[in-house]
Amino acid sequence: MFCKNCGKEVADGMKFCDGCGSPLEQPTNAGQQPDMNGQQPYQSYTTNTPPPPYQQNPVGANANDSSNKIIFVLAYLGILFFLPLVVCPNSAVGKFHANQGLLLLLVSIVGQIVFSIITFAVPFLYFLSTLFALAILALMIYGMVNAYNDKQVPLPVIGTLFTLIK
């Protein structure tokens, strides 16, 4: 289905365009027969229908979010956390994965600085830095797998610390 206001393709069953926010025409079921293609005729809503409220963690991802899942996966690769904000700036799913990627980047930078100081002060504790790097790698893979599977699961331990991108 296409938005009549901006022309963007939106998933069937959507009530509002995720590009411009205008209400979409919905099928009517009240005693009307389907046309020759098996589709129901559409009834238009008035333009003063308010847009849906913003949801930080929507129940289902729309078609635009599913097509951008590779971008969401790349958000967990360090400095590339900003990609979902550039590609799909109005997507709640994109903002979620960008926030998780930014948190992972900041924790890894601060952690490496702290463990470098500890290793410099007490050299036989160098294995702590290695364990921390492996933990960051595991969190990165965990976030990438969830992004690829269209899940919005916060990263363990650090995922619920802050919401930096709203």
C-alpha atoms as a PDB file:
ATOM      1  CA  MET A   1       0.000   0.000   0.000  1.00  0.00           C
ATOM      2  CA  PHE A   2       1.221   3.541  -0.733  1.00  0.00           C
ATOM      3  CA  CYS A   3       0.613   6.759   1.210  1.00  0.00           C
ATOM      4  CA  LYS A   4      -1.541   9.169  -0.786  1.00  0.00           C
ATOM      5  CA  ASN A   5       0.123  12.145   0.893  1.00  0.00           C
ATOM      6  CA  CYS A   6       3.853  11.434   0.388  1.00  0.00           C
ATOM      7  CA  GLY A   7       3.821   8.327  -1.839  1.00  0.00           C
ATOM      8  CA  LYS A   8       5.913   6.179   0.520  1.00  0.00           C
ATOM      9  CA  GLU A   9       5.251   2.430   0.507  1.00  0.00           C
ATOM     10  CA  VAL A  10       3.862   1.249   3.867  1.00  0.00           C
ATOM     11  CA  ALA A  11       2.959  -2.202   5.163  1.00  0.00           C
ATOM     12  CA  ASP A  12      -0.617  -3.410   4.878  1.00  0.00           C
ATOM     13  CA  GLY A  13      -2.626  -2.893   8.041  1.00  0.00           C
ATOM     14  CA  MET A  14      -0.800   0.306   9.066  1.00  0.00           C
ATOM     15  CA  LYS A  15      -3.120   3.140  10.140  1.00  0.00           C
ATOM     16  CA  PHE A  16      -0.596   5.947   9.709  1.00  0.00           C
ATOM     17  CA  CYS A  17       2.261   6.559   7.260  1.00  0.00           C
ATOM     18  CA  ASP A  18       5.639   6.099   8.956  1.00  0.00           C
ATOM     19  CA  GLY A  19       7.129   8.671   6.575  1.00  0.00           C
ATOM     20  CA  CYS A  20       4.811  11.679   7.012  1.00  0.00           C
ATOM     21  CA  GLY A  21       2.405  10.565   9.768  1.00  0.00           C
ATOM     22  CA  SER A  22      -0.747  11.111   7.761  1.00  0.00           C
ATOM     23  CA  PRO A  23      -3.648   8.657   8.197  1.00  0.00           C
ATOM     24  CA  LEU A  24      -3.890   5.901   5.615  1.00  0.00           C
ATOM     25  CA  GLU A  25      -7.012   4.628   3.926  1.00  0.00           C
ATOM     26  CA  GLN A  26      -8.223   1.414   5.529  1.00  0.00           C
ATOM     27  CA  PRO A  27     -10.361  -1.389   4.064  1.00  0.00           C
ATOM     28  CA  THR A  28     -14.018  -1.514   5.029  1.00  0.00           C
ATOM     29  CA  ASN A  29     -15.781  -4.748   5.844  1.00  0.00           C
ATOM     30  CA  ALA A  30     -19.373  -3.548   6.259  1.00  0.00           C
ATOM     31  CA  GLY A  31     -21.309  -5.433   3.584  1.00  0.00           C
ATOM     32  CA  GLN A  32     -19.037  -4.664   0.647  1.00  0.00           C
ATOM     33  CA  GLN A  33     -17.876  -7.302  -1.774  1.00  0.00           C
ATOM     34  CA  PRO A  34     -14.209  -7.695  -2.667  1.00  0.00           C
ATOM     35  CA  ASP A  35     -13.131  -6.515  -6.085  1.00  0.00           C
ATOM     36  CA  MET A  36     -11.779  -8.814  -8.807  1.00  0.00           C
ATOM     37  CA  ASN A  37      -8.302  -8.947  -7.229  1.00  0.00           C
ATOM     38  CA  GLY A  38      -9.689 -10.148  -3.901  1.00  0.00           C
ATOM     39  CA  GLN A  39      -8.950  -6.849  -2.143  1.00  0.00           C
ATOM     40  CA  GLN A  40     -11.474  -4.857  -0.144  1.00  0.00           C
ATOM     41  CA  PRO A  41     -12.426  -1.300  -1.200  1.00  0.00           C
ATOM     42  CA  TYR A  42     -10.891   1.453   0.935  1.00  0.00           C
ATOM     43  CA  GLN A  43     -12.546   4.085   3.079  1.00  0.00           C
ATOM     44  CA  SER A  44     -10.646   7.292   3.823  1.00  0.00           C
ATOM     45  CA  TYR A  45     -10.387   8.824   7.274  1.00  0.00           C
ATOM     46  CA  THR A  46     -10.557  12.522   7.989  1.00  0.00           C
ATOM     47  CA  THR A  47      -7.243  14.333   8.204  1.00  0.00           C
ATOM     48  CA  ASN A  48      -7.851  15.527  11.764  1.00  0.00           C
ATOM     49  CA  THR A  49      -7.285  12.028  13.189  1.00  0.00           C
ATOM     50  CA  PRO A  50      -4.328  12.325  15.589  1.00  0.00           C
ATOM     51  CA  PRO A  51      -1.190  10.305  14.858  1.00  0.00           C
ATOM     52  CA  PRO A  52      -0.453   7.328  17.093  1.00  0.00           C
ATOM     53  CA  PRO A  53       1.519   8.041  20.260  1.00  0.00           C
ATOM     54  CA  TYR A  54       5.290   7.555  20.141  1.00  0.00           C
ATOM     55  CA  GLN A  55       6.312   4.182  21.546  1.00  0.00           C
ATOM     56  CA  GLN A  56       9.863   3.478  22.665  1.00  0.00           C
ATOM     57  CA  ASN A  57       9.437  -0.276  22.325  1.00  0.00           C
ATOM     58  CA  PRO A  58       6.714  -1.045  19.753  1.00  0.00           C
ATOM     59  CA  VAL A  59       5.111  -4.488  19.720  1.00  0.00           C
ATOM     60  CA  GLY A  60       5.913  -5.207  16.078  1.00  0.00           C
ATOM     61  CA  ALA A  61       8.377  -3.693  13.649  1.00  0.00           C
ATOM     62  CA  ASN A  62       6.943  -2.128  10.518  1.00  0.00           C
ATOM     63  CA  ALA A  63       8.103  -2.953   7.005  1.00  0.00           C
ATOM     64  CA  ASN A  64      10.642  -0.102   6.993  1.00  0.00           C
ATOM     65  CA  ASP A  65      12.321  -1.417  10.147  1.00  0.00           C
ATOM     66  CA  SER A  66      12.615  -4.955   8.752  1.00  0.00           C
ATOM     67  CA  SER A  67      14.298  -3.694   5.591  1.00  0.00           C
ATOM     68  CA  ASN A  68      16.873  -1.782   7.684  1.00  0.00           C
ATOM     69  CA  LYS A  69      17.900  -4.645   9.959  1.00  0.00           C
ATOM     70  CA  ILE A  70      21.446  -4.744   8.511  1.00  0.00           C
ATOM     71  CA  ILE A  71      21.809  -1.079   9.487  1.00  0.00           C
ATOM     72  CA  PHE A  72      20.603  -1.982  12.986  1.00  0.00           C
ATOM     73  CA  VAL A  73      23.191  -4.782  13.150  1.00  0.00           C
ATOM     74  CA  LEU A  74      25.979  -2.391  12.120  1.00  0.00           C
ATOM     75  CA  ALA A  75      25.021  -0.048  14.990  1.00  0.00           C
ATOM     76  CA  TYR A  76      26.832  -2.394  17.384  1.00  0.00           C
ATOM     77  CA  LEU A  77      30.180  -1.983  15.606  1.00  0.00           C
ATOM     78  CA  GLY A  78      31.698   0.849  17.641  1.00  0.00           C
ATOM     79  CA  ILE A  79      31.561   4.242  15.978  1.00  0.00           C
ATOM     80  CA  LEU A  80      28.904   3.052  13.509  1.00  0.00           C
ATOM     81  CA  PHE A  81      26.229   3.424  16.211  1.00  0.00           C
ATOM     82  CA  PHE A  82      24.910   6.518  14.395  1.00  0.00           C
ATOM     83  CA  LEU A  83      23.921   4.697  11.167  1.00  0.00           C
ATOM     84  CA  PRO A  84      20.283   4.002  12.173  1.00  0.00           C
ATOM     85  CA  LEU A  85      19.907   7.681  13.101  1.00  0.00           C
ATOM     86  CA  VAL A  86      21.000   8.700   9.610  1.00  0.00           C
ATOM     87  CA  VAL A  87      19.211   6.037   7.558  1.00  0.00           C
ATOM     88  CA  CYS A  88      15.880   5.985   9.435  1.00  0.00           C
ATOM     89  CA  PRO A  89      15.804   8.924  11.890  1.00  0.00           C
ATOM     90  CA  ASN A  90      12.114   8.519  12.840  1.00  0.00           C
ATOM     91  CA  SER A  91      12.300   4.804  13.608  1.00  0.00           C
ATOM     92  CA  ALA A  92      11.868   3.847  17.277  1.00  0.00           C
ATOM     93  CA  VAL A  93      13.635   0.539  16.574  1.00  0.00           C
ATOM     94  CA  GLY A  94      16.549   2.397  14.965  1.00  0.00           C
ATOM     95  CA  LYS A  95      16.859   4.713  17.965  1.00  0.00           C
ATOM     96  CA  PHE A  96      16.815   1.719  20.317  1.00  0.00           C
ATOM     97  CA  HIS A  97      19.689  -0.055  18.529  1.00  0.00           C
ATOM     98  CA  ALA A  98      21.644   3.200  18.114  1.00  0.00           C
ATOM     99  CA  ASN A  99      21.330   3.801  21.863  1.00  0.00           C
ATOM    100  CA  GLN A 100      22.483   0.266  22.675  1.00  0.00           C
ATOM    101  CA  GLY A 101      25.438   0.610  20.270  1.00  0.00           C
ATOM    102  CA  LEU A 102      26.432   3.953  21.813  1.00  0.00           C
ATOM    103  CA  LEU A 103      26.253   2.488  25.329  1.00  0.00           C
ATOM    104  CA  LEU A 104      28.440  -0.434  24.245  1.00  0.00           C
ATOM    105  CA  LEU A 105      30.980   1.945  22.685  1.00  0.00           C
ATOM    106  CA  LEU A 106      31.175   4.176  25.766  1.00  0.00           C
ATOM    107  CA  VAL A 107      31.477   1.249  28.190  1.00  0.00           C
ATOM    108  CA  SER A 108      34.221  -0.320  26.060  1.00  0.00           C
ATOM    109  CA  ILE A 109      36.216   2.939  25.891  1.00  0.00           C
ATOM    110  CA  VAL A 110      35.935   3.667  29.617  1.00  0.00           C
ATOM    111  CA  GLY A 111      36.629   0.034  30.511  1.00  0.00           C
ATOM    112  CA  GLN A 112      39.744  -0.176  28.367  1.00  0.00           C
ATOM    113  CA  ILE A 113      41.090   3.015  29.962  1.00  0.00           C
ATOM    114  CA  VAL A 114      40.421   1.698  33.462  1.00  0.00           C
ATOM    115  CA  PHE A 115      41.931  -1.722  32.749  1.00  0.00           C
ATOM    116  CA  SER A 116      44.969  -0.114  31.093  1.00  0.00           C
ATOM    117  CA  ILE A 117      45.625   1.816  34.294  1.00  0.00           C
ATOM    118  CA  ILE A 118      45.125  -1.310  36.414  1.00  0.00           C
ATOM    119  CA  THR A 119      47.444  -3.318  34.163  1.00  0.00           C
ATOM    120  CA  PHE A 120      50.082  -0.560  34.309  1.00  0.00           C
ATOM    121  CA  ALA A 121      49.882  -0.441  38.120  1.00  0.00           C
ATOM    122  CA  VAL A 122      49.688  -4.201  38.677  1.00  0.00           C
ATOM    123  CA  PRO A 123      51.123  -6.009  35.610  1.00  0.00           C
ATOM    124  CA  PHE A 124      50.118  -9.535  36.628  1.00  0.00           C
ATOM    125  CA  LEU A 125      46.407  -8.540  36.312  1.00  0.00           C
ATOM    126  CA  TYR A 126      46.678  -8.183  32.514  1.00  0.00           C
ATOM    127  CA  PHE A 127      44.207 -11.041  32.069  1.00  0.00           C
ATOM    128  CA  LEU A 128      41.412  -8.762  33.406  1.00  0.00           C
ATOM    129  CA  SER A 129      41.776  -6.561  30.343  1.00  0.00           C
ATOM    130  CA  THR A 130      41.487  -9.613  28.104  1.00  0.00           C
ATOM    131  CA  LEU A 131      38.393 -10.845  29.942  1.00  0.00           C
ATOM    132  CA  PHE A 132      36.813  -7.398  29.613  1.00  0.00           C
ATOM    133  CA  ALA A 133      37.512  -7.332  25.868  1.00  0.00           C
ATOM    134  CA  LEU A 134      35.910 -10.776  25.490  1.00  0.00           C
ATOM    135  CA  ALA A 135      32.863  -9.608  27.460  1.00  0.00           C
ATOM    136  CA  ILE A 136      32.487  -6.573  25.157  1.00  0.00           C
ATOM    137  CA  LEU A 137      32.773  -8.872  22.126  1.00  0.00           C
ATOM    138  CA  ALA A 138      30.078 -11.152  23.554  1.00  0.00           C
ATOM    139  CA  LEU A 139      27.757  -8.170  24.176  1.00  0.00           C
ATOM    140  CA  MET A 140      28.391  -6.950  20.642  1.00  0.00           C
ATOM    141  CA  ILE A 141      27.461 -10.317  19.138  1.00  0.00           C
ATOM    142  CA  TYR A 142      24.404 -10.569  21.406  1.00  0.00           C
ATOM    143  CA  GLY A 143      23.170  -7.158  20.254  1.00  0.00           C
ATOM    144  CA  MET A 144      23.825  -7.949  16.586  1.00  0.00           C
ATOM    145  CA  VAL A 145      21.905 -11.240  16.763  1.00  0.00           C
ATOM    146  CA  ASN A 146      18.938  -9.534  18.430  1.00  0.00           C
ATOM    147  CA  ALA A 147      18.957  -6.730  15.851  1.00  0.00           C
ATOM    148  CA  TYR A 148      19.061  -9.241  12.998  1.00  0.00           C
ATOM    149  CA  ASN A 149      16.142 -11.175  14.514  1.00  0.00           C
ATOM    150  CA  ASP A 150      14.064  -7.958  14.887  1.00  0.00           C
ATOM    151  CA  LYS A 151      14.189  -8.102  18.694  1.00  0.00           C
ATOM    152  CA  GLN A 152      14.560  -5.116  20.986  1.00  0.00           C
ATOM    153  CA  VAL A 153      16.252  -6.738  23.954  1.00  0.00           C
ATOM    154  CA  PRO A 154      18.550  -4.513  26.047  1.00  0.00           C
ATOM    155  CA  LEU A 155      22.144  -5.645  26.399  1.00  0.00           C
ATOM    156  CA  PRO A 156      22.773  -7.557  29.632  1.00  0.00           C
ATOM    157  CA  VAL A 157      24.233  -5.517  32.503  1.00  0.00           C
ATOM    158  CA  ILE A 158      24.700  -2.258  30.547  1.00  0.00           C
ATOM    159  CA  GLY A 159      21.603  -2.078  28.322  1.00  0.00           C
ATOM    160  CA  THR A 160      19.366  -0.385  30.859  1.00  0.00           C
ATOM    161  CA  LEU A 161      21.896   2.026  32.380  1.00  0.00           C
ATOM    162  CA  PHE A 162      21.060   5.110  30.314  1.00  0.00           C
ATOM    163  CA  THR A 163      18.900   6.218  27.414  1.00  0.00           C
ATOM    164  CA  LEU A 164      21.204   8.631  25.636  1.00  0.00           C
ATOM    165  CA  ILE A 165      19.290   8.777  22.338  1.00  0.00           C
ATOM    166  CA  LYS A 166      15.607   9.597  22.679  1.00  0.00           C
END
